[in-house]
């Protein structure tokens, strides 16, 4: 991959990943408001807005982060399964996106309950959005640390590829 293309894809990947982290932080803030608010209208409003926020920001950013990360890894020397840190980030992203897509059903149920005329604030209040958002932030921060520190440990596949390329192109020429 040519450097300008690689840099553009890196910007897209970092941008979508940071966007995902920001969207999760906003969801966490909404969840905390939903737990702490005394006004039933505010509590209902929180649970009414969490679902569209999820579909408008969380899901697109998570999928975009996954796709741009895949393209980035496949188009660079890092590879998709050569380094443990890339593999762990892929698995964490797949896990988080899968959980998010499943959790969107819960947010839809909470929004439906909040839209119901007879639903009170006490029936709506649940720590679930806070717990899920806090766990997502922790996972995204681990991915951020892996991206910055890039532990050099190679997978077995990466070690085989590295050994094979060492044999083919040693520093002193062909063996």
N, C-alpha and C. Protein backbone atom coordinates (compact mmCIF):
# COMPACT_ATOMS: atom_id res chain seq x y z
N UNK A 1 0.85 -1.17 0.00
CA UNK A 1 0.00 0.00 0.00
C UNK A 1 0.90 1.24 0.00
N UNK A 2 0.60 2.19 -0.86
CA UNK A 2 1.40 3.41 -0.96
C UNK A 2 1.20 4.27 0.29
N UNK A 3 2.24 5.00 0.70
CA UNK A 3 2.15 5.80 1.93
C UNK A 3 0.96 6.75 2.01
N UNK A 4 0.61 7.49 0.96
CA UNK A 4 -0.56 8.37 1.10
C UNK A 4 -1.86 7.61 1.38
N UNK A 5 -2.01 6.46 0.73
CA UNK A 5 -3.20 5.64 0.95
C UNK A 5 -3.19 5.06 2.35
N UNK A 6 -2.03 4.57 2.79
CA UNK A 6 -1.90 4.01 4.13
C UNK A 6 -2.22 5.05 5.19
N UNK A 7 -1.72 6.27 4.99
CA UNK A 7 -1.97 7.34 5.96
C UNK A 7 -3.45 7.73 5.98
N UNK A 8 -4.07 7.80 4.81
CA UNK A 8 -5.49 8.12 4.75
C UNK A 8 -6.30 7.06 5.50
N UNK A 9 -5.99 5.79 5.26
CA UNK A 9 -6.71 4.72 5.95
C UNK A 9 -6.45 4.75 7.45
N UNK A 10 -5.24 5.09 7.84
CA UNK A 10 -4.93 5.21 9.26
C UNK A 10 -5.75 6.33 9.90
N UNK A 11 -5.84 7.46 9.20
CA UNK A 11 -6.66 8.57 9.71
C UNK A 11 -8.12 8.14 9.85
N UNK A 12 -8.63 7.43 8.85
CA UNK A 12 -10.01 6.95 8.92
C UNK A 12 -10.20 5.98 10.08
N UNK A 13 -9.23 5.08 10.28
CA UNK A 13 -9.35 4.11 11.36
C UNK A 13 -9.28 4.80 12.72
N UNK A 14 -8.32 5.67 12.90
CA UNK A 14 -8.20 6.38 14.18
C UNK A 14 -9.44 7.26 14.40
N UNK A 15 -9.89 7.94 13.37
CA UNK A 15 -11.07 8.80 13.49
C UNK A 15 -12.32 8.03 13.88
N UNK A 16 -12.56 6.89 13.22
CA UNK A 16 -13.76 6.12 13.56
C UNK A 16 -13.63 5.49 14.95
N UNK A 17 -12.43 5.09 15.32
CA UNK A 17 -12.24 4.50 16.65
C UNK A 17 -12.43 5.53 17.75
N UNK A 18 -11.91 6.75 17.53
CA UNK A 18 -12.10 7.83 18.50
C UNK A 18 -13.57 8.23 18.53
N UNK A 19 -14.20 8.25 17.38
CA UNK A 19 -15.64 8.54 17.33
C UNK A 19 -16.44 7.52 18.12
N UNK A 20 -16.06 6.25 17.99
CA UNK A 20 -16.74 5.19 18.74
C UNK A 20 -16.55 5.42 20.24
N UNK A 21 -15.34 5.73 20.66
CA UNK A 21 -15.07 5.99 22.07
C UNK A 21 -15.90 7.18 22.56
N UNK A 22 -15.96 8.23 21.77
CA UNK A 22 -16.76 9.39 22.15
C UNK A 22 -18.25 9.08 22.23
N UNK A 23 -18.75 8.30 21.30
CA UNK A 23 -20.16 7.92 21.32
C UNK A 23 -20.48 7.06 22.54
N UNK A 24 -19.55 6.19 22.90
CA UNK A 24 -19.75 5.36 24.10
C UNK A 24 -19.74 6.25 25.34
N UNK A 25 -18.83 7.23 25.37
CA UNK A 25 -18.77 8.15 26.51
C UNK A 25 -20.09 8.93 26.64
N UNK A 26 -20.64 9.36 25.52
CA UNK A 26 -21.93 10.07 25.55
C UNK A 26 -23.04 9.14 26.05
N UNK A 27 -23.01 7.89 25.62
CA UNK A 27 -24.00 6.92 26.09
C UNK A 27 -23.86 6.66 27.58
N UNK A 28 -22.62 6.61 28.05
CA UNK A 28 -22.38 6.44 29.48
C UNK A 28 -22.96 7.62 30.26
N UNK A 29 -22.72 8.83 29.76
CA UNK A 29 -23.27 10.01 30.42
C UNK A 29 -24.80 9.96 30.46
N UNK A 30 -25.41 9.57 29.35
CA UNK A 30 -26.87 9.45 29.33
C UNK A 30 -27.35 8.39 30.32
N UNK A 31 -26.64 7.26 30.37
CA UNK A 31 -27.02 6.21 31.31
C UNK A 31 -26.94 6.68 32.75
N UNK A 32 -25.91 7.44 33.08
CA UNK A 32 -25.77 7.98 34.44
C UNK A 32 -26.91 8.95 34.73
N UNK A 33 -27.25 9.80 33.77
CA UNK A 33 -28.37 10.72 33.95
C UNK A 33 -29.66 9.93 34.18
N UNK A 34 -29.86 8.85 33.42
CA UNK A 34 -31.05 8.03 33.58
C UNK A 34 -31.15 7.39 34.96
N UNK A 35 -30.01 7.07 35.54
CA UNK A 35 -30.01 6.50 36.90
C UNK A 35 -30.20 7.56 37.97
N UNK A 36 -29.64 8.73 37.75
CA UNK A 36 -29.59 9.74 38.81
C UNK A 36 -30.76 10.72 38.79
N UNK A 37 -31.39 10.91 37.65
CA UNK A 37 -32.43 11.94 37.53
C UNK A 37 -33.65 11.61 38.40
N UNK A 38 -34.18 12.66 38.99
CA UNK A 38 -35.41 12.52 39.79
C UNK A 38 -36.65 12.74 38.94
N UNK A 39 -36.53 13.57 37.93
CA UNK A 39 -37.65 13.92 37.06
C UNK A 39 -37.99 12.74 36.15
N UNK A 40 -39.21 12.21 36.24
CA UNK A 40 -39.59 11.07 35.39
C UNK A 40 -39.50 11.39 33.90
N UNK A 41 -39.74 12.64 33.51
CA UNK A 41 -39.64 13.02 32.11
C UNK A 41 -38.20 12.92 31.60
N UNK A 42 -37.25 13.29 32.45
CA UNK A 42 -35.84 13.18 32.07
C UNK A 42 -35.45 11.72 31.94
N UNK A 43 -35.88 10.90 32.88
CA UNK A 43 -35.56 9.46 32.83
C UNK A 43 -36.14 8.85 31.56
N UNK A 44 -37.38 9.16 31.26
CA UNK A 44 -38.01 8.64 30.03
C UNK A 44 -37.26 9.14 28.80
N UNK A 45 -36.89 10.42 28.81
CA UNK A 45 -36.16 11.00 27.68
C UNK A 45 -34.83 10.31 27.44
N UNK A 46 -34.13 9.97 28.52
CA UNK A 46 -32.84 9.28 28.38
C UNK A 46 -33.04 7.95 27.66
N UNK A 47 -34.01 7.17 28.10
CA UNK A 47 -34.20 5.85 27.50
C UNK A 47 -34.81 5.93 26.11
N UNK A 48 -35.50 7.04 25.82
CA UNK A 48 -35.98 7.24 24.45
C UNK A 48 -34.85 7.59 23.49
N UNK A 49 -33.82 8.29 23.97
CA UNK A 49 -32.75 8.74 23.09
C UNK A 49 -31.61 7.74 22.97
N UNK A 50 -31.46 6.82 23.92
CA UNK A 50 -30.34 5.87 23.85
C UNK A 50 -30.38 4.99 22.60
N UNK A 51 -31.55 4.55 22.22
CA UNK A 51 -31.63 3.68 21.03
C UNK A 51 -31.24 4.42 19.75
N UNK A 52 -31.81 5.59 19.44
CA UNK A 52 -31.38 6.26 18.21
C UNK A 52 -29.91 6.69 18.25
N UNK A 53 -29.40 7.03 19.42
CA UNK A 53 -27.97 7.35 19.52
C UNK A 53 -27.15 6.11 19.17
N UNK A 54 -27.61 4.97 19.64
CA UNK A 54 -26.91 3.72 19.32
C UNK A 54 -26.87 3.44 17.83
N UNK A 55 -28.03 3.56 17.18
CA UNK A 55 -28.08 3.28 15.74
C UNK A 55 -27.38 4.36 14.92
N UNK A 56 -27.40 5.60 15.39
CA UNK A 56 -26.82 6.69 14.61
C UNK A 56 -25.31 6.85 14.81
N UNK A 57 -24.80 6.43 15.97
CA UNK A 57 -23.37 6.64 16.24
C UNK A 57 -22.63 5.37 16.62
N UNK A 58 -23.12 4.67 17.63
CA UNK A 58 -22.39 3.51 18.13
C UNK A 58 -22.19 2.43 17.07
N UNK A 59 -23.26 2.03 16.44
CA UNK A 59 -23.17 0.95 15.44
C UNK A 59 -22.34 1.38 14.23
N UNK A 60 -22.60 2.55 13.63
CA UNK A 60 -21.76 2.93 12.48
C UNK A 60 -20.27 3.07 12.83
N UNK A 61 -19.96 3.68 13.97
CA UNK A 61 -18.55 3.82 14.35
C UNK A 61 -17.90 2.48 14.63
N UNK A 62 -18.62 1.57 15.28
CA UNK A 62 -18.02 0.26 15.57
C UNK A 62 -17.76 -0.52 14.28
N UNK A 63 -18.70 -0.51 13.37
CA UNK A 63 -18.53 -1.22 12.10
C UNK A 63 -17.43 -0.55 11.26
N UNK A 64 -17.42 0.78 11.23
CA UNK A 64 -16.38 1.49 10.47
C UNK A 64 -15.00 1.23 11.07
N UNK A 65 -14.91 1.19 12.39
CA UNK A 65 -13.63 0.89 13.04
C UNK A 65 -13.17 -0.52 12.67
N UNK A 66 -14.08 -1.45 12.67
CA UNK A 66 -13.75 -2.83 12.30
C UNK A 66 -13.27 -2.90 10.85
N UNK A 67 -14.02 -2.30 9.94
CA UNK A 67 -13.67 -2.37 8.52
C UNK A 67 -12.36 -1.65 8.21
N UNK A 68 -12.19 -0.46 8.75
CA UNK A 68 -10.95 0.27 8.48
C UNK A 68 -9.75 -0.43 9.13
N UNK A 69 -9.97 -1.06 10.28
CA UNK A 69 -8.89 -1.82 10.91
C UNK A 69 -8.50 -3.03 10.08
N UNK A 70 -9.49 -3.70 9.52
CA UNK A 70 -9.20 -4.85 8.65
C UNK A 70 -8.40 -4.42 7.43
N UNK A 71 -8.84 -3.36 6.77
CA UNK A 71 -8.14 -2.88 5.57
C UNK A 71 -6.73 -2.46 5.94
N UNK A 72 -6.59 -1.74 7.05
CA UNK A 72 -5.29 -1.28 7.52
C UNK A 72 -4.36 -2.47 7.76
N UNK A 73 -4.84 -3.47 8.45
CA UNK A 73 -3.96 -4.61 8.78
C UNK A 73 -3.62 -5.44 7.55
N UNK A 74 -4.56 -5.61 6.66
CA UNK A 74 -4.30 -6.42 5.47
C UNK A 74 -3.42 -5.69 4.46
N UNK A 75 -3.42 -4.36 4.52
CA UNK A 75 -2.66 -3.59 3.56
C UNK A 75 -1.30 -3.12 4.05
N UNK A 76 -0.91 -3.53 5.25
CA UNK A 76 0.38 -3.10 5.79
C UNK A 76 1.18 -4.32 6.23
N UNK A 77 2.41 -4.08 6.63
CA UNK A 77 3.27 -5.18 7.08
C UNK A 77 2.85 -5.74 8.43
N UNK A 78 1.97 -5.03 9.15
CA UNK A 78 1.52 -5.56 10.45
C UNK A 78 0.74 -6.85 10.23
N UNK A 79 -0.01 -6.93 9.16
CA UNK A 79 -0.79 -8.13 8.88
C UNK A 79 -1.95 -8.28 9.85
N UNK A 80 -2.82 -9.22 9.55
CA UNK A 80 -4.00 -9.44 10.38
C UNK A 80 -3.72 -10.41 11.52
N UNK A 81 -2.88 -11.40 11.28
CA UNK A 81 -2.62 -12.41 12.31
C UNK A 81 -1.13 -12.62 12.56
N UNK A 82 -0.31 -11.65 12.19
CA UNK A 82 1.14 -11.78 12.41
C UNK A 82 1.54 -11.36 13.82
N UNK A 83 0.86 -10.34 14.36
CA UNK A 83 1.20 -9.80 15.67
C UNK A 83 0.02 -10.00 16.61
N UNK A 84 0.34 -10.39 17.85
CA UNK A 84 -0.74 -10.61 18.81
C UNK A 84 -1.57 -9.36 19.05
N UNK A 85 -0.93 -8.19 19.08
CA UNK A 85 -1.70 -6.98 19.39
C UNK A 85 -2.74 -6.69 18.31
N UNK A 86 -2.43 -6.98 17.05
CA UNK A 86 -3.41 -6.76 15.97
C UNK A 86 -4.53 -7.80 16.09
N UNK A 87 -4.15 -9.03 16.34
CA UNK A 87 -5.14 -10.11 16.49
C UNK A 87 -6.06 -9.83 17.68
N UNK A 88 -5.50 -9.39 18.81
CA UNK A 88 -6.32 -9.09 19.98
C UNK A 88 -7.27 -7.92 19.70
N UNK A 89 -6.77 -6.91 18.99
CA UNK A 89 -7.65 -5.79 18.65
C UNK A 89 -8.79 -6.24 17.74
N UNK A 90 -8.49 -7.12 16.80
CA UNK A 90 -9.53 -7.64 15.92
C UNK A 90 -10.57 -8.40 16.74
N UNK A 91 -10.12 -9.29 17.61
CA UNK A 91 -11.05 -10.09 18.42
C UNK A 91 -11.87 -9.20 19.35
N UNK A 92 -11.23 -8.20 19.95
CA UNK A 92 -11.97 -7.29 20.84
C UNK A 92 -13.01 -6.51 20.05
N UNK A 93 -12.65 -6.06 18.84
CA UNK A 93 -13.58 -5.30 18.03
C UNK A 93 -14.77 -6.17 17.60
N UNK A 94 -14.48 -7.39 17.17
CA UNK A 94 -15.56 -8.31 16.79
C UNK A 94 -16.48 -8.58 17.98
N UNK A 95 -15.88 -8.82 19.15
CA UNK A 95 -16.65 -9.08 20.36
C UNK A 95 -17.51 -7.87 20.71
N UNK A 96 -16.90 -6.69 20.76
CA UNK A 96 -17.63 -5.49 21.15
C UNK A 96 -18.74 -5.15 20.16
N UNK A 97 -18.47 -5.30 18.87
CA UNK A 97 -19.50 -5.01 17.86
C UNK A 97 -20.64 -6.02 17.97
N UNK A 98 -20.30 -7.29 18.18
CA UNK A 98 -21.34 -8.30 18.35
C UNK A 98 -22.21 -8.04 19.56
N UNK A 99 -21.59 -7.72 20.69
CA UNK A 99 -22.35 -7.41 21.91
C UNK A 99 -23.21 -6.17 21.68
N UNK A 100 -22.65 -5.16 21.03
CA UNK A 100 -23.41 -3.94 20.76
C UNK A 100 -24.64 -4.25 19.92
N UNK A 101 -24.49 -5.03 18.87
CA UNK A 101 -25.64 -5.35 18.02
C UNK A 101 -26.71 -6.11 18.80
N UNK A 102 -26.28 -7.01 19.67
CA UNK A 102 -27.25 -7.70 20.53
C UNK A 102 -27.89 -6.74 21.53
N UNK A 103 -27.07 -5.85 22.09
CA UNK A 103 -27.57 -4.92 23.10
C UNK A 103 -28.55 -3.90 22.53
N UNK A 104 -28.47 -3.66 21.24
CA UNK A 104 -29.41 -2.72 20.63
C UNK A 104 -30.85 -3.19 20.82
N UNK A 105 -31.07 -4.49 20.95
CA UNK A 105 -32.41 -5.01 21.22
C UNK A 105 -32.88 -4.57 22.61
N UNK A 106 -31.96 -4.57 23.57
CA UNK A 106 -32.29 -4.11 24.91
C UNK A 106 -32.63 -2.63 24.89
N UNK A 107 -31.83 -1.84 24.17
CA UNK A 107 -32.12 -0.41 24.08
C UNK A 107 -33.46 -0.16 23.40
N UNK A 108 -33.80 -0.97 22.41
CA UNK A 108 -35.11 -0.84 21.76
C UNK A 108 -36.24 -1.15 22.74
N UNK A 109 -36.04 -2.17 23.57
CA UNK A 109 -37.05 -2.53 24.57
C UNK A 109 -37.20 -1.40 25.60
N UNK A 110 -36.08 -0.83 26.04
CA UNK A 110 -36.14 0.28 26.99
C UNK A 110 -36.84 1.49 26.37
N UNK A 111 -36.55 1.77 25.10
CA UNK A 111 -37.20 2.90 24.42
C UNK A 111 -38.70 2.66 24.28
N UNK A 112 -39.09 1.43 23.98
CA UNK A 112 -40.52 1.11 23.88
C UNK A 112 -41.21 1.28 25.23
N UNK A 113 -40.53 0.85 26.29
CA UNK A 113 -41.10 1.02 27.64
C UNK A 113 -41.22 2.51 27.96
N UNK A 114 -40.19 3.29 27.62
CA UNK A 114 -40.21 4.73 27.93
C UNK A 114 -41.31 5.44 27.14
N UNK A 115 -41.62 4.94 25.96
CA UNK A 115 -42.66 5.56 25.14
C UNK A 115 -44.06 5.23 25.65
N UNK A 116 -44.17 4.19 26.45
CA UNK A 116 -45.48 3.79 26.98
C UNK A 116 -45.98 4.81 27.99
N UNK A 117 -47.26 5.15 27.91
CA UNK A 117 -47.78 6.21 28.78
C UNK A 117 -47.81 5.83 30.27
N UNK A 118 -47.91 4.57 30.58
CA UNK A 118 -48.04 4.18 31.99
C UNK A 118 -46.73 3.78 32.65
N UNK A 119 -45.63 3.97 31.98
CA UNK A 119 -44.34 3.54 32.52
C UNK A 119 -43.75 4.64 33.38
N UNK A 120 -43.42 4.28 34.61
CA UNK A 120 -42.82 5.25 35.53
C UNK A 120 -41.31 5.18 35.48
N UNK A 121 -40.70 6.19 36.10
CA UNK A 121 -39.24 6.28 36.12
C UNK A 121 -38.62 5.09 36.82
N UNK A 122 -39.25 4.62 37.88
CA UNK A 122 -38.70 3.49 38.65
C UNK A 122 -38.67 2.21 37.80
N UNK A 123 -39.64 2.04 36.92
CA UNK A 123 -39.67 0.86 36.06
C UNK A 123 -38.58 0.92 34.99
N UNK A 124 -38.20 2.12 34.60
CA UNK A 124 -37.21 2.29 33.55
C UNK A 124 -35.78 2.23 34.07
N UNK A 125 -35.57 2.74 35.26
CA UNK A 125 -34.20 2.87 35.78
C UNK A 125 -33.52 1.51 35.83
N UNK A 126 -32.43 1.42 35.10
CA UNK A 126 -31.63 0.20 35.11
C UNK A 126 -30.16 0.59 34.96
N UNK A 127 -29.28 -0.12 35.66
CA UNK A 127 -27.85 0.18 35.50
C UNK A 127 -27.27 -0.40 34.21
N UNK A 128 -28.05 -1.13 33.46
CA UNK A 128 -27.55 -1.82 32.26
C UNK A 128 -26.83 -0.90 31.27
N UNK A 129 -27.39 0.26 30.89
CA UNK A 129 -26.65 1.12 29.95
C UNK A 129 -25.32 1.61 30.51
N UNK A 130 -25.27 1.88 31.82
CA UNK A 130 -24.03 2.33 32.45
C UNK A 130 -23.00 1.21 32.45
N UNK A 131 -23.42 0.02 32.82
CA UNK A 131 -22.51 -1.12 32.88
C UNK A 131 -21.95 -1.45 31.50
N UNK A 132 -22.83 -1.49 30.50
CA UNK A 132 -22.37 -1.80 29.14
C UNK A 132 -21.44 -0.72 28.59
N UNK A 133 -21.79 0.54 28.81
CA UNK A 133 -20.93 1.62 28.31
C UNK A 133 -19.59 1.65 29.03
N UNK A 134 -19.59 1.42 30.34
CA UNK A 134 -18.32 1.41 31.09
C UNK A 134 -17.43 0.26 30.61
N UNK A 135 -18.02 -0.90 30.38
CA UNK A 135 -17.25 -2.05 29.87
C UNK A 135 -16.71 -1.75 28.47
N UNK A 136 -17.52 -1.10 27.64
CA UNK A 136 -17.07 -0.76 26.29
C UNK A 136 -15.92 0.25 26.33
N UNK A 137 -16.00 1.22 27.23
CA UNK A 137 -14.91 2.19 27.35
C UNK A 137 -13.63 1.48 27.78
N UNK A 138 -13.74 0.58 28.75
CA UNK A 138 -12.55 -0.17 29.20
C UNK A 138 -11.95 -0.95 28.03
N UNK A 139 -12.78 -1.63 27.26
CA UNK A 139 -12.30 -2.40 26.13
C UNK A 139 -11.65 -1.51 25.07
N UNK A 140 -12.27 -0.38 24.78
CA UNK A 140 -11.71 0.54 23.79
C UNK A 140 -10.40 1.17 24.27
N UNK A 141 -10.28 1.40 25.56
CA UNK A 141 -9.02 1.92 26.09
C UNK A 141 -7.91 0.88 26.01
N UNK A 142 -8.25 -0.38 26.22
CA UNK A 142 -7.24 -1.45 26.04
C UNK A 142 -6.79 -1.47 24.59
N UNK A 143 -7.73 -1.35 23.65
CA UNK A 143 -7.37 -1.32 22.23
C UNK A 143 -6.49 -0.11 21.93
N UNK A 144 -6.78 1.01 22.55
CA UNK A 144 -5.95 2.21 22.36
C UNK A 144 -4.53 1.97 22.86
N UNK A 145 -4.40 1.38 24.04
CA UNK A 145 -3.07 1.10 24.59
C UNK A 145 -2.31 0.14 23.67
N UNK A 146 -2.98 -0.89 23.17
CA UNK A 146 -2.32 -1.82 22.25
C UNK A 146 -1.87 -1.11 20.98
N UNK A 147 -2.67 -0.18 20.50
CA UNK A 147 -2.31 0.56 19.28
C UNK A 147 -1.11 1.46 19.48
N UNK A 148 -0.99 2.02 20.65
CA UNK A 148 0.11 2.94 20.92
C UNK A 148 1.40 2.18 21.24
N UNK A 149 1.30 1.16 22.10
CA UNK A 149 2.50 0.46 22.54
C UNK A 149 2.94 -0.67 21.61
N UNK A 150 2.01 -1.23 20.86
CA UNK A 150 2.29 -2.27 19.87
C UNK A 150 3.28 -3.32 20.39
N UNK A 151 2.87 -4.14 21.34
CA UNK A 151 3.78 -5.19 21.82
C UNK A 151 4.29 -6.02 20.64
N UNK A 152 5.56 -6.29 20.62
CA UNK A 152 6.21 -6.90 19.44
C UNK A 152 6.04 -8.41 19.34
N UNK A 153 5.36 -9.04 20.26
CA UNK A 153 5.22 -10.49 20.22
C UNK A 153 4.51 -10.93 18.93
N UNK A 154 5.13 -11.88 18.24
CA UNK A 154 4.57 -12.42 17.01
C UNK A 154 3.77 -13.68 17.32
N UNK A 155 2.71 -13.89 16.55
CA UNK A 155 1.97 -15.14 16.64
C UNK A 155 2.84 -16.25 16.02
N UNK A 156 2.43 -17.48 16.15
CA UNK A 156 3.19 -18.56 15.50
C UNK A 156 3.25 -18.36 14.00
N UNK A 157 2.13 -17.95 13.44
CA UNK A 157 2.11 -17.65 12.00
C UNK A 157 3.10 -16.54 11.68
N UNK A 158 3.10 -15.49 12.47
CA UNK A 158 4.03 -14.38 12.26
C UNK A 158 5.48 -14.81 12.40
N UNK A 159 5.76 -15.71 13.34
CA UNK A 159 7.12 -16.22 13.51
C UNK A 159 7.55 -17.03 12.29
N UNK A 160 6.65 -17.87 11.78
CA UNK A 160 6.98 -18.65 10.58
C UNK A 160 7.23 -17.73 9.40
N UNK A 161 6.38 -16.73 9.22
CA UNK A 161 6.57 -15.77 8.12
C UNK A 161 7.88 -15.01 8.27
N UNK A 162 8.18 -14.64 9.49
CA UNK A 162 9.41 -13.90 9.75
C UNK A 162 10.63 -14.77 9.47
N UNK A 163 10.59 -16.02 9.93
CA UNK A 163 11.71 -16.94 9.70
C UNK A 163 11.88 -17.22 8.21
N UNK A 164 10.78 -17.39 7.50
CA UNK A 164 10.83 -17.66 6.07
C UNK A 164 11.43 -16.47 5.32
N UNK A 165 11.02 -15.26 5.68
CA UNK A 165 11.56 -14.09 4.98
C UNK A 165 13.01 -13.84 5.37
N UNK A 166 13.41 -14.23 6.60
CA UNK A 166 14.82 -14.11 6.98
C UNK A 166 15.68 -15.03 6.13
N UNK A 167 15.18 -16.22 5.83
CA UNK A 167 15.94 -17.17 5.02
C UNK A 167 16.04 -16.71 3.57
N UNK A 168 14.97 -16.07 3.11
CA UNK A 168 14.95 -15.64 1.71
C UNK A 168 15.76 -14.38 1.46
N UNK A 169 15.76 -13.46 2.40
CA UNK A 169 16.45 -12.18 2.18
C UNK A 169 17.29 -11.79 3.41
N UNK A 170 18.37 -12.50 3.68
CA UNK A 170 19.20 -12.11 4.81
C UNK A 170 19.94 -10.81 4.52
N UNK A 171 20.47 -10.24 5.56
CA UNK A 171 21.16 -8.95 5.41
C UNK A 171 22.33 -9.02 4.44
N UNK A 172 23.01 -10.13 4.38
CA UNK A 172 24.17 -10.26 3.52
C UNK A 172 23.87 -10.74 2.12
N UNK A 173 22.62 -10.98 1.77
CA UNK A 173 22.28 -11.46 0.44
C UNK A 173 21.63 -12.83 0.52
N UNK A 174 21.55 -13.56 -0.58
CA UNK A 174 20.89 -14.86 -0.65
C UNK A 174 21.79 -15.92 -0.09
N UNK A 175 21.23 -16.85 0.68
CA UNK A 175 22.02 -17.95 1.26
C UNK A 175 22.18 -19.06 0.28
